[in-house]
Amino acid sequence: MPQLNTSTWFITIISMIITLFILFQLKVSKHCYPKNPELKPTEKINQYIPWENKWTKIYSPLSLPHQ
């Protein structure tokens, strides 16, 4: 039974890792990051909501009386 030749595995794995690293660096370096992120104004809009000050109760179907 012939033996598997593993003499080139090291250089293959190392070259693959280096290639992936270079490709990843190129991809990251071409990405556009925002230079000065600005906060959006967070102004509260005052509008009257009729249920805002009222207490409401939500009935679950299991708590309703049987019909």
Protein backbone atom coordinates (compact mmCIF):
# COMPACT_ATOMS: atom_id res chain seq x y z
CA MET A 1 0.00 0.00 0.00
CA PRO A 2 1.56 3.36 -1.00
CA GLN A 3 2.30 5.90 1.68
CA LEU A 4 0.74 9.37 1.56
CA ASN A 5 3.27 12.07 0.69
CA THR A 6 2.90 14.85 3.26
CA SER A 7 6.08 16.75 2.48
CA THR A 8 4.27 19.62 0.70
CA TRP A 9 1.49 20.06 3.23
CA PHE A 10 3.37 22.58 5.37
CA ILE A 11 4.12 25.00 2.54
CA THR A 12 0.60 24.62 1.19
CA ILE A 13 -1.03 25.44 4.51
CA ILE A 14 1.32 28.36 5.22
CA SER A 15 0.81 29.88 1.77
CA MET A 16 -2.95 29.51 2.13
CA ILE A 17 -2.93 31.29 5.50
CA ILE A 18 -0.78 34.12 4.13
CA THR A 19 -3.05 34.50 1.11
CA LEU A 20 -6.16 34.63 3.27
CA PHE A 21 -4.54 37.19 5.54
CA ILE A 22 -3.60 39.43 2.59
CA LEU A 23 -7.06 39.15 1.07
CA PHE A 24 -8.68 39.99 4.38
CA GLN A 25 -6.40 43.01 4.84
CA LEU A 26 -7.25 44.28 1.37
CA LYS A 27 -10.95 43.86 1.99
CA VAL A 28 -10.82 45.67 5.33
CA SER A 29 -8.66 48.49 3.98
CA LYS A 30 -11.18 49.24 1.21
CA HIS A 31 -14.10 49.46 3.61
CA CYS A 32 -15.44 52.99 4.17
CA TYR A 33 -15.86 53.89 7.82
CA PRO A 34 -17.73 57.03 8.89
CA LYS A 35 -15.22 59.70 9.88
CA ASN A 36 -17.35 61.78 12.24
CA PRO A 37 -20.45 60.01 13.46
CA GLU A 38 -23.03 62.56 14.54
CA LEU A 39 -25.89 62.14 16.93
CA LYS A 40 -29.36 62.58 15.58
CA PRO A 41 -31.47 65.14 17.40
CA THR A 42 -33.80 63.41 19.79
CA GLU A 43 -36.63 65.86 20.26
CA LYS A 44 -39.76 64.54 21.86
CA ILE A 45 -42.84 65.33 19.83
CA ASN A 46 -45.63 66.37 22.16
CA GLN A 47 -48.87 65.04 20.87
CA TYR A 48 -51.98 64.18 22.77
CA ILE A 49 -52.69 60.47 23.02
CA PRO A 50 -56.04 59.78 24.68
CA TRP A 51 -54.95 56.54 26.37
CA GLU A 52 -51.72 57.98 27.70
CA ASN A 53 -53.16 59.03 31.07
CA LYS A 54 -55.83 56.38 31.33
CA TRP A 55 -55.43 53.05 33.02
CA THR A 56 -56.37 50.25 30.69
CA LYS A 57 -56.77 46.60 31.38
CA ILE A 58 -56.18 43.88 28.85
CA TYR A 59 -58.23 40.77 29.40
CA SER A 60 -56.74 37.48 28.45
CA PRO A 61 -59.20 34.99 26.90
CA LEU A 62 -58.71 32.56 29.78
CA SER A 63 -59.75 35.09 32.44
CA LEU A 64 -63.05 35.99 30.77
CA PRO A 65 -66.24 34.42 32.16
CA HIS A 66 -67.48 31.29 30.47
CA GLN A 67 -70.33 31.70 28.05
